[in-house]
Protein backbone atom coordinates (compact mmCIF):
# COMPACT_ATOMS: atom_id res chain seq x y z
CA MET A 1 -11.60 -22.85 16.19
CA LEU A 2 -9.91 -21.05 13.32
CA PRO A 3 -12.05 -18.65 11.27
CA ALA A 4 -12.98 -19.82 7.79
CA ILE A 5 -12.12 -18.06 4.55
CA PRO A 6 -15.28 -16.21 3.43
CA ALA A 7 -17.21 -18.41 1.01
CA LEU A 8 -17.64 -15.58 -1.47
CA LEU A 9 -13.88 -15.02 -1.59
CA THR A 10 -13.22 -18.69 -2.33
CA GLU A 11 -15.86 -18.57 -5.05
CA ARG A 12 -14.36 -15.44 -6.62
CA LEU A 13 -10.81 -16.78 -6.47
CA ILE A 14 -11.79 -20.02 -8.19
CA ALA A 15 -13.69 -18.13 -10.89
CA GLN A 16 -10.81 -15.72 -11.46
CA TYR A 17 -7.74 -17.95 -11.16
CA GLY A 18 -8.94 -21.57 -11.30
CA GLU A 19 -9.44 -24.09 -8.51
CA GLU A 20 -5.85 -25.19 -7.93
CA PRO A 21 -4.36 -21.65 -8.03
CA ALA A 22 -7.16 -20.52 -5.69
CA ARG A 23 -6.14 -23.17 -3.15
CA GLU A 24 -2.51 -22.03 -3.42
CA ILE A 25 -3.61 -18.44 -2.79
CA GLU A 26 -5.61 -19.46 0.27
CA ALA A 27 -2.59 -21.33 1.60
CA GLY A 28 -0.86 -17.94 1.71
CA PHE A 29 -3.33 -16.48 4.21
CA VAL A 30 -0.93 -17.07 7.10
CA ARG A 31 0.86 -15.05 9.75
CA ARG A 32 3.99 -13.61 8.18
CA PRO A 33 7.36 -12.62 9.60
CA VAL A 34 7.67 -9.11 10.98
CA THR A 35 9.01 -6.64 8.43
CA LEU A 36 10.07 -3.05 8.91
CA ARG A 37 11.25 -0.07 6.93
CA VAL A 38 14.21 1.98 8.11
CA ASN A 39 13.23 5.64 8.33
CA THR A 40 16.09 7.41 6.58
CA LEU A 41 14.79 10.79 7.76
CA LYS A 42 16.05 9.91 11.24
CA SER A 43 18.51 7.04 10.91
CA THR A 44 20.48 4.85 8.53
CA VAL A 45 20.19 1.22 7.53
CA GLU A 46 23.54 0.51 9.15
CA ASP A 47 22.52 2.09 12.47
CA VAL A 48 19.22 0.21 12.62
CA LYS A 49 20.94 -3.07 11.79
CA ALA A 50 23.45 -2.43 14.57
CA ARG A 51 20.68 -1.70 17.06
CA LEU A 52 18.80 -4.86 16.12
CA THR A 53 21.96 -6.91 16.52
CA ALA A 54 22.62 -5.34 19.93
CA ALA A 55 19.07 -6.26 20.97
CA GLY A 56 19.56 -9.85 19.82
CA ILE A 57 17.11 -9.51 16.94
CA ALA A 58 18.09 -11.31 13.75
CA TYR A 59 17.28 -9.69 10.42
CA GLU A 60 17.36 -10.49 6.73
CA ALA A 61 17.82 -8.11 3.81
CA VAL A 62 15.28 -7.54 1.03
CA PRO A 63 16.99 -7.63 -2.39
CA TRP A 64 14.79 -5.01 -4.04
CA TYR A 65 14.67 -2.43 -1.21
CA GLU A 66 17.70 -1.61 0.92
CA GLU A 67 15.63 0.09 3.64
CA ALA A 68 13.41 -2.98 4.21
CA LEU A 69 14.30 -5.70 6.70
CA ILE A 70 12.71 -9.05 7.59
CA LEU A 71 12.78 -10.13 11.25
CA PRO A 72 12.06 -13.88 11.16
CA GLU A 73 12.38 -14.71 14.87
CA VAL A 74 10.38 -12.02 16.73
CA ARG A 75 6.94 -10.43 16.75
CA GLU A 76 6.00 -6.75 16.61
CA ASP A 77 6.18 -6.19 20.38
CA ALA A 78 9.94 -6.81 20.37
CA VAL A 79 10.38 -3.98 17.85
CA ARG A 80 8.00 -1.62 19.64
CA ALA A 81 10.02 -2.10 22.82
CA LEU A 82 13.13 -0.57 21.22
CA PRO A 83 13.83 3.09 22.04
CA GLU A 84 14.70 3.62 18.37
CA TYR A 85 11.19 2.54 17.38
CA GLU A 86 9.65 5.09 19.73
CA ALA A 87 12.02 7.69 18.30
CA GLY A 88 10.78 6.98 14.77
CA HIS A 89 13.93 5.39 13.39
CA MET A 90 11.91 2.52 11.93
CA TYR A 91 8.34 1.76 10.85
CA LEU A 92 6.57 -1.60 10.96
CA GLN A 93 5.21 -2.19 7.47
CA SER A 94 4.49 -5.18 5.27
CA LEU A 95 6.69 -5.72 2.24
CA SER A 96 3.77 -5.52 -0.17
CA SER A 97 2.58 -2.19 1.24
CA MET A 98 6.02 -0.70 0.57
CA MET A 99 5.61 -1.27 -3.16
CA PRO A 100 3.22 1.56 -4.20
CA ALA A 101 5.52 4.36 -3.00
CA LEU A 102 8.50 2.72 -4.69
CA VAL A 103 6.55 2.53 -7.94
CA MET A 104 5.57 6.20 -7.66
CA GLU A 105 9.14 7.44 -6.99
CA PRO A 106 8.42 10.72 -5.19
CA LYS A 107 10.96 13.41 -6.01
CA LYS A 108 12.23 16.67 -4.57
CA GLY A 109 9.94 19.61 -5.24
CA GLU A 110 6.94 17.56 -6.35
CA SER A 111 3.45 18.28 -5.08
CA ILE A 112 1.92 14.93 -4.06
CA LEU A 113 -1.57 13.97 -2.93
CA ASP A 114 -2.09 10.91 -0.73
CA MET A 115 -5.84 10.40 -0.98
CA ALA A 116 -6.39 7.85 1.82
CA ALA A 117 -3.33 8.34 3.97
CA ALA A 118 -3.96 6.91 7.47
CA PRO A 119 -2.22 5.45 9.34
CA GLY A 120 0.70 6.90 7.38
CA GLY A 121 2.98 4.06 6.30
CA LYS A 122 3.04 5.08 2.66
CA THR A 123 2.92 8.80 3.48
CA THR A 124 6.01 8.64 5.66
CA GLN A 125 7.69 6.38 3.13
CA MET A 126 7.13 8.95 0.38
CA ALA A 127 8.52 11.64 2.67
CA ALA A 128 11.63 9.54 3.26
CA LEU A 129 12.07 8.63 -0.41
CA SER A 130 12.01 12.33 -1.31
CA ALA A 131 14.29 13.24 1.64
CA ASN A 132 11.49 15.46 3.01
CA ALA A 133 11.73 17.55 -0.14
CA ALA A 134 8.34 16.76 -1.68
CA LEU A 135 5.26 18.67 -0.52
CA ILE A 136 2.67 16.05 0.45
CA THR A 137 -1.03 16.60 1.09
CA ALA A 138 -2.44 13.70 3.10
CA CYS A 139 -6.21 13.24 3.30
CA GLU A 140 -8.09 11.19 5.90
CA LYS A 141 -11.79 11.79 6.49
CA ASN A 142 -11.99 10.02 9.86
CA LYS A 143 -10.93 12.35 12.69
CA ILE A 144 -9.45 9.64 14.92
CA ARG A 145 -7.51 8.10 12.04
CA ALA A 146 -6.33 11.57 10.96
CA GLU A 147 -4.97 12.16 14.48
CA ARG A 148 -3.15 8.83 14.32
CA LEU A 149 -1.75 9.84 10.93
CA GLN A 150 -0.45 13.12 12.34
CA PHE A 151 1.11 11.26 15.28
CA ASN A 152 3.01 8.94 12.94
CA LEU A 153 4.13 11.82 10.74
CA ASP A 154 5.49 13.67 13.76
CA ARG A 155 7.29 10.61 15.12
CA GLN A 156 8.81 9.82 11.74
CA GLY A 157 9.96 13.40 11.17
CA ALA A 158 7.89 13.87 8.01
CA THR A 159 7.79 17.66 8.22
CA ARG A 160 6.48 18.61 4.78
CA VAL A 161 3.12 16.87 5.02
CA ASN A 162 -0.15 18.75 5.35
CA VAL A 163 -2.92 16.62 6.88
CA MET A 164 -6.47 17.36 5.74
CA CYS A 165 -9.27 15.75 7.73
CA GLN A 166 -11.67 15.32 4.85
CA ASP A 167 -12.72 13.01 2.05
CA ALA A 168 -10.29 13.61 -0.81
CA ARG A 169 -13.22 13.44 -3.22
CA GLN A 170 -14.39 16.76 -1.78
CA LEU A 171 -11.22 18.64 -2.74
CA ASN A 172 -11.76 21.51 -5.15
CA ASP A 173 -11.07 20.46 -8.74
CA LEU A 174 -8.89 23.55 -9.16
CA PHE A 175 -6.21 21.78 -7.10
CA LYS A 176 -3.59 20.10 -9.25
CA PHE A 177 -0.82 17.73 -8.15
CA ASP A 178 2.32 16.40 -9.81
CA LYS A 179 1.62 12.90 -8.44
CA VAL A 180 -1.25 11.17 -6.67
CA LEU A 181 -1.24 8.02 -4.56
CA LEU A 182 -4.61 6.33 -4.28
CA ASP A 183 -4.23 3.37 -1.94
CA ALA A 184 -7.93 2.75 -2.22
CA PRO A 185 -10.24 1.37 0.47
CA CYS A 186 -10.91 -2.27 -0.40
CA THR A 187 -12.16 -5.61 0.88
CA GLY A 188 -8.67 -6.57 2.01
CA SER A 189 -9.01 -9.87 0.19
CA GLY A 190 -5.23 -10.15 -0.09
CA THR A 191 -4.52 -9.69 3.61
CA ILE A 192 -6.76 -12.24 5.33
CA LEU A 193 -5.05 -14.21 8.08
CA ILE A 194 -6.27 -17.68 8.94
CA ALA A 195 -4.98 -17.45 12.48
CA GLU A 196 -6.51 -17.92 15.86
CA GLY A 197 -7.86 -14.71 17.31
CA GLU A 198 -8.74 -12.87 14.11
CA GLN A 199 -12.40 -12.14 13.57
CA GLU A 200 -14.04 -13.71 10.58
CA ARG A 201 -14.07 -11.18 7.78
CA ARG A 202 -17.43 -10.07 6.41
CA MET A 203 -17.61 -10.35 2.65
CA THR A 204 -20.84 -10.08 0.66
CA GLU A 205 -21.74 -9.35 -2.96
CA GLU A 206 -23.17 -6.00 -1.86
CA TRP A 207 -20.02 -5.03 0.03
CA VAL A 208 -17.71 -5.91 -2.87
CA ALA A 209 -19.89 -3.95 -5.29
CA LYS A 210 -20.07 -0.94 -2.97
CA THR A 211 -16.30 -1.02 -2.47
CA ALA A 212 -15.68 -1.13 -6.22
CA ALA A 213 -18.03 1.83 -6.72
CA THR A 214 -16.08 3.82 -4.11
CA GLN A 215 -12.81 2.93 -5.81
CA LYS A 216 -14.09 4.13 -9.18
CA SER A 217 -15.26 7.45 -7.77
CA MET A 218 -11.94 7.98 -6.00
CA LEU A 219 -9.92 7.10 -9.09
CA LYS A 220 -11.95 9.56 -11.19
CA LYS A 221 -11.24 12.25 -8.62
CA ALA A 222 -7.54 11.34 -8.50
CA LEU A 223 -7.23 11.77 -12.25
CA THR A 224 -9.15 15.04 -12.11
CA LEU A 225 -6.65 16.39 -9.57
CA LEU A 226 -3.59 15.01 -11.38
CA SER A 227 -1.83 17.43 -13.72
CA ALA A 228 -1.94 16.46 -17.40
CA GLY A 229 1.13 14.53 -18.53
CA HIS A 230 1.85 13.36 -14.97
CA GLU A 231 1.59 9.97 -13.26
CA MET A 232 -0.22 8.46 -10.29
CA VAL A 233 -0.36 5.10 -8.54
CA TYR A 234 -3.50 3.10 -7.82
CA SER A 235 -3.17 0.29 -5.29
CA THR A 236 -5.30 -2.00 -3.15
CA CYS A 237 -4.67 -4.85 -0.74
CA SER A 238 -7.16 -6.89 -2.75
CA ILE A 239 -6.55 -9.66 -5.27
CA LEU A 240 -10.05 -9.51 -6.77
CA ARG A 241 -10.25 -8.30 -10.35
CA GLN A 242 -13.46 -6.40 -9.57
CA GLU A 243 -11.47 -4.03 -7.34
CA ASN A 244 -8.41 -3.84 -9.57
CA GLU A 245 -8.38 -4.31 -13.35
CA ASP A 246 -12.15 -3.82 -13.65
CA VAL A 247 -11.89 -0.47 -11.86
CA LEU A 248 -9.11 0.66 -14.20
CA SER A 249 -10.94 -0.52 -17.32
CA SER A 250 -14.06 1.34 -16.24
CA VAL A 251 -12.39 4.65 -15.43
CA LEU A 252 -9.26 5.19 -17.53
CA PRO A 253 -10.75 5.52 -21.05
CA ALA A 254 -13.21 8.19 -19.97
CA MET A 255 -10.50 10.11 -18.09
CA ASN A 256 -7.98 10.20 -20.97
CA ALA A 257 -5.52 8.09 -18.98
CA GLU A 258 -3.30 5.11 -19.73
CA ILE A 259 -1.31 2.42 -17.95
CA VAL A 260 2.44 2.93 -17.57
CA PRO A 261 4.12 -0.49 -17.30
CA ILE A 262 5.78 -0.97 -13.92
CA GLU A 263 9.54 -1.42 -14.07
CA HIS A 264 11.25 -2.23 -10.78
CA PRO A 265 13.56 -4.96 -9.39
CA MET A 266 10.70 -6.06 -7.10
CA LEU A 267 9.13 -7.75 -10.12
CA GLU A 268 11.98 -10.28 -10.11
CA SER A 269 11.43 -11.28 -6.47
CA ALA A 270 7.74 -10.87 -5.68
CA PRO A 271 5.35 -13.79 -6.32
CA LEU A 272 2.92 -12.49 -8.94
CA LEU A 273 -0.58 -13.50 -9.95
CA PRO A 274 -1.78 -13.31 -13.57
CA VAL A 275 -3.40 -10.01 -14.56
CA THR A 276 -5.64 -8.99 -17.44
CA ILE A 277 -3.99 -5.61 -18.06
CA PRO A 278 -0.33 -5.69 -19.16
CA GLY A 279 2.02 -3.62 -17.04
CA VAL A 280 0.19 -3.79 -13.71
CA MET A 281 1.15 -6.14 -10.88
CA CYS A 282 -0.83 -8.29 -8.47
CA VAL A 283 1.19 -9.85 -5.64
CA LYS A 284 0.22 -13.33 -4.55
CA PRO A 285 -0.32 -13.94 -0.82
CA THR A 286 2.49 -16.14 0.52
CA ALA A 287 4.32 -16.82 3.76
CA LEU A 288 6.22 -13.55 3.18
CA PHE A 289 4.00 -11.29 1.04
CA GLU A 290 0.48 -9.96 1.46
CA GLY A 291 -1.78 -9.95 -1.58
CA PHE A 292 -1.51 -6.51 -3.19
CA PHE A 293 -2.34 -4.79 -6.49
CA VAL A 294 -0.36 -1.88 -7.93
CA ALA A 295 -0.82 0.08 -11.16
CA LYS A 296 0.96 3.18 -12.50
CA ILE A 297 -1.24 5.51 -14.52
CA ARG A 298 -0.46 8.51 -16.73
CA LYS A 299 -2.95 11.25 -17.47
CA ARG A 300 -2.53 12.12 -21.13
CA ARG A 301 -2.17 15.69 -22.28
CA LYS A 302 -5.22 17.00 -24.10
């Protein structure tokens, strides 16, 4: 028997988007093709494509990100079996989760904070995008998850990342960073899979409210640690307004911060849901994309 979509999620989706759009969203809670990101710290797109071809694995390009590939005919185990995967030449990652780092555009010499870094997909992506020339601080409060993060960093060759096993909210306010990525803990409402074998996801009013409270406290801390005049990215794998636009509306005015409209070719290809704040993006769950929210934020100068 397939697990049901949590009743509260259906109720929230209908209230937020309307009944017919909500049904279309729920139709996107399906198992998607395998996608990966070529790790340019250790390989090239051409080399990875050649290796996939030699292994009999078909791939498709992604128009808005050269390093991303779609593998429509295999599952993850076929990729993990490749020696190049073990060597860190590629990283299994959903297309939607690649978007926050692309929006942030990490650069050489920048000091970057990744506030909730494990298991390291976005951390290693930022390292690759900056050619290992940004200095990244990656926080993860759970010891086991922090060890997994370090393992992935080592395998991917992300050498300029300092892992801190602690809650990023406990960092001293004297720290200041050029950029901050807050991929905030969330309900995962955009990533539910209606597929045999997945446990039914718990979702209650109390849990959603507690999650939103955590997101607000983390966003306040992110903006405290962000240098004035600089930019950060806030993202979740949720499509609920309470975890996205409502969090921004609650925190940004008091923190002297503003939305920077996202400009990227991904906007032309990704299926987008309506948002209540201009310039942010909310990706609709489909057969190819997970549901995901991304916002770029600038901390104003005093």
